[in-house]
Structures are given as C-alpha cells and as structure tokens.
C-alpha atoms as a PDB file:
ATOM      1  CA  MET A   1     -16.583 -23.031  83.561  1.00  0.00           C
ATOM      2  CA  HIS A   2     -13.526 -21.867  85.455  1.00  0.00           C
ATOM      3  CA  TYR A   3     -10.944 -20.006  83.374  1.00  0.00           C
ATOM      4  CA  ASP A   4      -7.362 -21.061  84.084  1.00  0.00           C
ATOM      5  CA  HIS A   5      -5.059 -18.434  82.587  1.00  0.00           C
ATOM      6  CA  ASP A   6      -1.856 -20.473  82.915  1.00  0.00           C
ATOM      7  CA  THR A   7      -3.423 -23.498  81.224  1.00  0.00           C
ATOM      8  CA  CYS A   8      -4.813 -21.329  78.412  1.00  0.00           C
ATOM      9  CA  ARG A   9      -1.389 -19.738  77.874  1.00  0.00           C
ATOM     10  CA  ASP A  10       0.380 -23.109  77.924  1.00  0.00           C
ATOM     11  CA  VAL A  11      -2.027 -24.675  75.424  1.00  0.00           C
ATOM     12  CA  LEU A  12      -1.744 -21.627  73.144  1.00  0.00           C
ATOM     13  CA  LEU A  13       2.071 -21.771  73.329  1.00  0.00           C
ATOM     14  CA  ARG A  14       2.226 -25.500  72.637  1.00  0.00           C
ATOM     15  CA  SER A  15      -0.177 -25.203  69.682  1.00  0.00           C
ATOM     16  CA  LEU A  16       1.710 -22.206  68.294  1.00  0.00           C
ATOM     17  CA  THR A  17       5.142 -23.824  68.535  1.00  0.00           C
ATOM     18  CA  GLU A  18       3.887 -27.078  67.019  1.00  0.00           C
ATOM     19  CA  ALA A  19       2.280 -25.157  64.141  1.00  0.00           C
ATOM     20  CA  LEU A  20       5.499 -23.174  63.555  1.00  0.00           C
ATOM     21  CA  GLU A  21       7.552 -26.381  63.562  1.00  0.00           C
ATOM     22  CA  GLU A  22       5.126 -28.093  61.180  1.00  0.00           C
ATOM     23  CA  HIS A  23       5.212 -25.152  58.772  1.00  0.00           C
ATOM     24  CA  ALA A  24       8.865 -24.150  59.076  1.00  0.00           C
ATOM     25  CA  ASP A  25       9.365 -24.714  55.331  1.00  0.00           C
ATOM     26  CA  ARG A  26       6.492 -22.345  54.484  1.00  0.00           C
ATOM     27  CA  ILE A  27       7.965 -19.699  56.809  1.00  0.00           C
ATOM     28  CA  ARG A  28      11.422 -20.125  55.208  1.00  0.00           C
ATOM     29  CA  GLU A  29       9.880 -19.797  51.738  1.00  0.00           C
ATOM     30  CA  LEU A  30       7.999 -16.629  52.708  1.00  0.00           C
ATOM     31  CA  GLU A  31      11.153 -15.154  54.279  1.00  0.00           C
ATOM     32  CA  ALA A  32      13.246 -16.003  51.179  1.00  0.00           C
ATOM     33  CA  ARG A  33      10.614 -14.592  48.815  1.00  0.00           C
ATOM     34  CA  THR A  34      10.319 -11.431  50.908  1.00  0.00           C
ATOM     35  CA  ARG A  35      14.121 -10.948  50.976  1.00  0.00           C
ATOM     36  CA  ALA A  36      14.354 -11.562  47.212  1.00  0.00           C
ATOM     37  CA  ASP A  37      11.972  -8.605  46.812  1.00  0.00           C
ATOM     38  CA  GLY A  38      14.290  -6.437  48.934  1.00  0.00           C
ATOM     39  CA  HIS A  39      12.198  -6.604  52.093  1.00  0.00           C
ATOM     40  CA  ALA A  40      12.120  -8.589  55.334  1.00  0.00           C
ATOM     41  CA  LEU A  41       9.550 -10.136  57.584  1.00  0.00           C
ATOM     42  CA  ASN A  42       9.101  -7.662  60.414  1.00  0.00           C
ATOM     43  CA  GLY A  43       6.084  -8.942  62.303  1.00  0.00           C
ATOM     44  CA  MET A  44       4.057 -11.965  63.272  1.00  0.00           C
ATOM     45  CA  SER A  45       0.495 -11.990  64.502  1.00  0.00           C
ATOM     46  CA  PHE A  46      -1.235 -14.649  66.580  1.00  0.00           C
ATOM     47  CA  ASP A  47      -4.838 -14.086  65.562  1.00  0.00           C
ATOM     48  CA  ILE A  48      -7.346 -15.432  68.078  1.00  0.00           C
ATOM     49  CA  LEU A  49     -11.074 -15.285  67.350  1.00  0.00           C
ATOM     50  CA  PRO A  50     -12.571 -17.150  70.323  1.00  0.00           C
ATOM     51  CA  TRP A  51     -16.191 -16.651  69.264  1.00  0.00           C
ATOM     52  CA  HIS A  52     -15.703 -18.826  66.128  1.00  0.00           C
ATOM     53  CA  PRO A  53     -13.229 -20.326  67.476  1.00  0.00           C
ATOM     54  CA  THR A  54     -10.503 -19.748  64.914  1.00  0.00           C
ATOM     55  CA  ILE A  55      -6.763 -19.202  65.224  1.00  0.00           C
ATOM     56  CA  THR A  56      -4.312 -18.146  62.521  1.00  0.00           C
ATOM     57  CA  VAL A  57      -0.687 -17.058  62.376  1.00  0.00           C
ATOM     58  CA  SER A  58       0.134 -14.224  60.008  1.00  0.00           C
ATOM     59  CA  PHE A  59       3.389 -12.596  58.924  1.00  0.00           C
ATOM     60  CA  ARG A  60       4.006  -8.939  58.102  1.00  0.00           C
ATOM     61  CA  SER A  61       6.598  -7.766  55.610  1.00  0.00           C
ATOM     62  CA  SER A  62       8.377  -4.433  55.448  1.00  0.00           C
ATOM     63  CA  ALA A  63       6.567  -4.100  52.101  1.00  0.00           C
ATOM     64  CA  ASP A  64       3.221  -4.009  53.947  1.00  0.00           C
ATOM     65  CA  SER A  65       1.916  -0.502  54.550  1.00  0.00           C
ATOM     66  CA  GLU A  66       2.548   1.014  57.992  1.00  0.00           C
ATOM     67  CA  GLN A  67      -1.124   2.000  57.819  1.00  0.00           C
ATOM     68  CA  PHE A  68      -1.936  -1.696  58.342  1.00  0.00           C
ATOM     69  CA  ARG A  69       0.588  -2.313  61.140  1.00  0.00           C
ATOM     70  CA  TYR A  70      -2.060  -3.986  63.308  1.00  0.00           C
ATOM     71  CA  GLU A  71      -4.292  -5.288  60.495  1.00  0.00           C
ATOM     72  CA  PRO A  72      -3.077  -8.858  59.795  1.00  0.00           C
ATOM     73  CA  GLY A  73      -5.811  -9.373  57.207  1.00  0.00           C
ATOM     74  CA  ASP A  74      -4.014  -6.858  54.983  1.00  0.00           C
ATOM     75  CA  TRP A  75      -0.529  -8.387  55.330  1.00  0.00           C
ATOM     76  CA  LEU A  76       1.391 -10.271  52.649  1.00  0.00           C
ATOM     77  CA  GLY A  77       1.590 -13.358  54.871  1.00  0.00           C
ATOM     78  CA  TYR A  78      -1.977 -13.273  56.217  1.00  0.00           C
ATOM     79  CA  ALA A  79      -3.082 -16.634  57.683  1.00  0.00           C
ATOM     80  CA  LEU A  80       0.051 -18.403  56.441  1.00  0.00           C
ATOM     81  CA  ILE A  81      -0.746 -20.901  59.176  1.00  0.00           C
ATOM     82  CA  GLY A  82      -4.340 -21.587  60.115  1.00  0.00           C
ATOM     83  CA  PRO A  83      -7.009 -24.230  60.541  1.00  0.00           C
ATOM     84  CA  HIS A  84      -6.889 -24.872  56.782  1.00  0.00           C
ATOM     85  CA  ASN A  85      -3.338 -26.252  56.996  1.00  0.00           C
ATOM     86  CA  ALA A  86      -2.531 -26.723  60.698  1.00  0.00           C
ATOM     87  CA  ALA A  87      -5.705 -28.293  62.001  1.00  0.00           C
ATOM     88  CA  LYS A  88      -3.939 -30.814  64.236  1.00  0.00           C
ATOM     89  CA  PRO A  89      -1.521 -28.499  66.117  1.00  0.00           C
ATOM     90  CA  LEU A  90      -4.054 -25.663  66.425  1.00  0.00           C
ATOM     91  CA  ALA A  91      -6.990 -27.872  67.481  1.00  0.00           C
ATOM     92  CA  PRO A  92      -6.201 -27.859  71.246  1.00  0.00           C
ATOM     93  CA  ALA A  93      -5.825 -24.069  71.213  1.00  0.00           C
ATOM     94  CA  MET A  94      -9.075 -23.569  69.318  1.00  0.00           C
ATOM     95  CA  GLN A  95     -10.818 -25.884  71.748  1.00  0.00           C
ATOM     96  CA  ILE A  96      -9.576 -24.101  74.871  1.00  0.00           C
ATOM     97  CA  VAL A  97     -10.302 -20.581  73.593  1.00  0.00           C
ATOM     98  CA  GLY A  98     -13.750 -21.649  72.446  1.00  0.00           C
ATOM     99  CA  ALA A  99     -14.474 -23.114  75.868  1.00  0.00           C
ATOM    100  CA  ALA A 100     -13.067 -20.039  77.651  1.00  0.00           C
ATOM    101  CA  TYR A 101     -15.231 -17.691  75.617  1.00  0.00           C
ATOM    102  CA  VAL A 102     -18.455 -18.204  77.487  1.00  0.00           C
ATOM    103  CA  LEU A 103     -21.250 -16.009  76.184  1.00  0.00           C
ATOM    104  CA  ALA A 104     -23.329 -15.423  79.291  1.00  0.00           C
ATOM    105  CA  GLY A 105     -23.785 -11.887  78.041  1.00  0.00           C
ATOM    106  CA  ASP A 106     -21.886  -9.377  75.987  1.00  0.00           C
ATOM    107  CA  GLU A 107     -19.714  -8.075  78.800  1.00  0.00           C
ATOM    108  CA  VAL A 108     -18.694 -11.532  79.977  1.00  0.00           C
ATOM    109  CA  GLY A 109     -17.723 -12.477  76.413  1.00  0.00           C
ATOM    110  CA  GLN A 110     -15.617  -9.343  76.054  1.00  0.00           C
ATOM    111  CA  GLU A 111     -13.941  -9.933  79.391  1.00  0.00           C
ATOM    112  CA  SER A 112     -13.213 -13.574  78.550  1.00  0.00           C
ATOM    113  CA  ASN A 113     -11.802 -12.421  75.212  1.00  0.00           C
ATOM    114  CA  HIS A 114      -9.567  -9.915  77.013  1.00  0.00           C
ATOM    115  CA  LEU A 115      -8.050 -12.674  79.159  1.00  0.00           C
ATOM    116  CA  ILE A 116      -7.601 -14.945  76.129  1.00  0.00           C
ATOM    117  CA  GLN A 117      -5.802 -12.163  74.207  1.00  0.00           C
ATOM    118  CA  LEU A 118      -3.467 -11.605  77.185  1.00  0.00           C
ATOM    119  CA  ALA A 119      -2.702 -15.344  77.293  1.00  0.00           C
ATOM    120  CA  ALA A 120      -2.039 -15.315  73.531  1.00  0.00           C
ATOM    121  CA  ALA A 121       0.306 -12.333  73.867  1.00  0.00           C
ATOM    122  CA  ASP A 122       2.209 -14.010  76.676  1.00  0.00           C
ATOM    123  CA  ALA A 123       2.471 -17.187  74.572  1.00  0.00           C
ATOM    124  CA  ILE A 124       3.735 -15.499  71.394  1.00  0.00           C
ATOM    125  CA  LEU A 125       6.347 -13.634  73.461  1.00  0.00           C
ATOM    126  CA  ASP A 126       7.813 -16.874  74.806  1.00  0.00           C
ATOM    127  CA  PRO A 127      11.495 -17.210  73.771  1.00  0.00           C
ATOM    128  CA  LYS A 128      10.726 -20.569  72.085  1.00  0.00           C
ATOM    129  CA  VAL A 129       8.662 -18.738  69.456  1.00  0.00           C
ATOM    130  CA  ALA A 130      11.463 -16.317  68.557  1.00  0.00           C
ATOM    131  CA  GLN A 131      13.970 -19.183  68.481  1.00  0.00           C
ATOM    132  CA  LEU A 132      11.805 -21.179  66.060  1.00  0.00           C
ATOM    133  CA  LEU A 133      11.465 -18.126  63.825  1.00  0.00           C
ATOM    134  CA  GLN A 134      15.220 -17.536  63.934  1.00  0.00           C
ATOM    135  CA  GLU A 135      15.744 -21.129  62.793  1.00  0.00           C
ATOM    136  CA  CYS A 136      13.603 -20.223  59.760  1.00  0.00           C
ATOM    137  CA  GLY A 137      15.791 -17.215  58.955  1.00  0.00           C
ATOM    138  CA  VAL A 138      13.422 -14.634  60.463  1.00  0.00           C
ATOM    139  CA  ARG A 139      15.150 -11.926  62.491  1.00  0.00           C
ATOM    140  CA  ALA A 140      12.832 -12.182  65.500  1.00  0.00           C
ATOM    141  CA  SER A 141      14.034 -10.783  68.797  1.00  0.00           C
ATOM    142  CA  ILE A 142      13.733 -12.658  72.057  1.00  0.00           C
ATOM    143  CA  ILE A 143      11.535 -10.498  74.269  1.00  0.00           C
ATOM    144  CA  THR A 144      12.086 -10.522  78.021  1.00  0.00           C
ATOM    145  CA  ASP A 145      11.339  -7.890  80.671  1.00  0.00           C
ATOM    146  CA  SER A 146      13.248  -5.089  78.955  1.00  0.00           C
ATOM    147  CA  ILE A 147      11.970  -2.556  76.488  1.00  0.00           C
ATOM    148  CA  PRO A 148      12.376  -4.215  73.058  1.00  0.00           C
ATOM    149  CA  TYR A 149      14.489  -2.431  70.455  1.00  0.00           C
ATOM    150  CA  GLY A 150      14.352  -4.944  67.619  1.00  0.00           C
ATOM    151  CA  LEU A 151      12.775  -4.387  64.258  1.00  0.00           C
ATOM    152  CA  PHE A 152      10.558  -7.476  64.505  1.00  0.00           C
ATOM    153  CA  GLU A 153       7.188  -7.018  66.196  1.00  0.00           C
ATOM    154  CA  PHE A 154       4.932  -9.632  67.774  1.00  0.00           C
ATOM    155  CA  VAL A 155       1.257  -8.739  67.455  1.00  0.00           C
ATOM    156  CA  VAL A 156      -1.926  -9.851  69.205  1.00  0.00           C
ATOM    157  CA  VAL A 157      -4.920  -7.581  68.631  1.00  0.00           C
ATOM    158  CA  ASP A 158      -8.547  -7.875  69.610  1.00  0.00           C
ATOM    159  CA  GLU A 159     -10.627  -7.954  66.435  1.00  0.00           C
ATOM    160  CA  ASP A 160     -13.507  -6.315  68.353  1.00  0.00           C
ATOM    161  CA  ARG A 161     -11.139  -3.498  69.316  1.00  0.00           C
ATOM    162  CA  VAL A 162     -12.450  -3.295  72.875  1.00  0.00           C
ATOM    163  CA  PHE A 163      -8.890  -2.253  73.684  1.00  0.00           C
ATOM    164  CA  ARG A 164      -7.204  -0.661  70.682  1.00  0.00           C
ATOM    165  CA  ALA A 165      -3.724  -1.880  71.472  1.00  0.00           C
ATOM    166  CA  ASN A 166      -1.263  -4.594  70.678  1.00  0.00           C
ATOM    167  CA  TYR A 167      -1.639  -6.975  73.623  1.00  0.00           C
ATOM    168  CA  CYS A 168       2.044  -7.871  73.262  1.00  0.00           C
ATOM    169  CA  GLU A 169       2.950  -4.289  74.123  1.00  0.00           C
ATOM    170  CA  ILE A 170       0.698  -4.462  77.177  1.00  0.00           C
ATOM    171  CA  VAL A 171       2.363  -7.680  78.369  1.00  0.00           C
ATOM    172  CA  VAL A 172       5.884  -6.328  77.804  1.00  0.00           C
ATOM    173  CA  ALA A 173       4.999  -3.052  79.555  1.00  0.00           C
ATOM    174  CA  MET A 174       3.770  -5.017  82.574  1.00  0.00           C
ATOM    175  CA  ARG A 175       6.923  -7.174  82.595  1.00  0.00           C
ATOM    176  CA  VAL A 176       9.130  -4.059  82.512  1.00  0.00           C
ATOM    177  CA  ALA A 177       7.123  -2.399  85.283  1.00  0.00           C
ATOM    178  CA  ARG A 178       7.273  -5.556  87.431  1.00  0.00           C
ATOM    179  CA  ARG A 179      11.063  -5.711  87.005  1.00  0.00           C
ATOM    180  CA  LEU A 180      11.565  -2.010  87.725  1.00  0.00           C
ATOM    181  CA  LEU A 181       9.255  -1.912  90.723  1.00  0.00           C
ATOM    182  CA  GLY A 182      10.127  -5.356  92.028  1.00  0.00           C
ATOM    183  CA  ARG A 183       6.456  -6.279  92.201  1.00  0.00           C
ATOM    184  CA  ALA A 184       3.310  -6.465  90.112  1.00  0.00           C
ATOM    185  CA  ILE A 185       1.648  -3.104  89.772  1.00  0.00           C
ATOM    186  CA  PRO A 186      -1.964  -2.785  90.878  1.00  0.00           C
END
C-alpha cells in the first residue's frame, strides 16, 4: 500500500470537523458545565490508535491536573467524541489510518504511526477546527505559522511514546521554521 500523506490529512480533517459539527451541543454542554465550575476548556486531543483502529476526541479542562497535560485518558472530557457516538463521521478516518498502519514489522508500524500522527496534528491545527470550537464557546486559538500564545492547546500524542512529544508542537515548530527560513528545513 502506498501512503498518501495529503489524503490521510484531508480525510482526518473532514472526519474531525464532521464529528465536531455533529456533537456541537455536547461540546457546548461540556464548556458550560466547566465554566459553571469556575474552569475552562483549555485543550483538545485528537487521539489516533491506528493499530485498532480507533479515533476519539477528548477535551481537557483547567481543572485537570497539569501532571496529565498529555494524558487524554485522565481528562474530564476524555473520549467525548468517539466511535461509540460518532461512528459515521469517524468511519472514513478510522478506515484510512487502519489501512496506513501496515504491520510488515515493528519498525514499519512505528514509522507508519509517526506519519499518521503528523497528519492528525496537521488536521487538528486547521483553522476550521478552531472556528468550530469557537462557535461552541470554546476559546480555541487559530494556529498558523507563528508561535502560539493562546491558553488553548491542541494535542496529538503517540500512545506508544516512540516520540514523547505533542505532535502539534512539532508541526507548529516546522511551520515557524519554514516561515523564518523561507524554506523547509532538512
């Protein structure tokens, strides 16, 4: 199978935006409940497990411990959107990540996963995602090719922790470097 990064990113973005639109009321309710408790939603995770394949969308609150900043399973809004309630919009994304995760050996699987996580990070950072969240009352910043200063954080982490980083930070760092240098860095 040939991996097409742009297609993977586009399918992930379309599935994510459709799932957010379908569950806008649930996001509004979570935001309102969080604010009523004196907190705010300050993060969203696009959780991709290509070896299952499973995809969920989780929300972090300022009430969640900083210790679990990159641990969506420990967040108040863990798996608010997932295959249990967004099977139709997430199905194309689950299909493409499952197909992209070819297990011809451990290293190939990890490398495929790395590319999938980068595509997911690029998708969640699309301005459409932040705009949909803003329509739900979430103070999500639109991320471009500048260093972000907002309080809301987009998160994509590799559950296997091959790279112990937020893939969104990697993507933004590369965008900033490309803008500053006028070219992609090697």
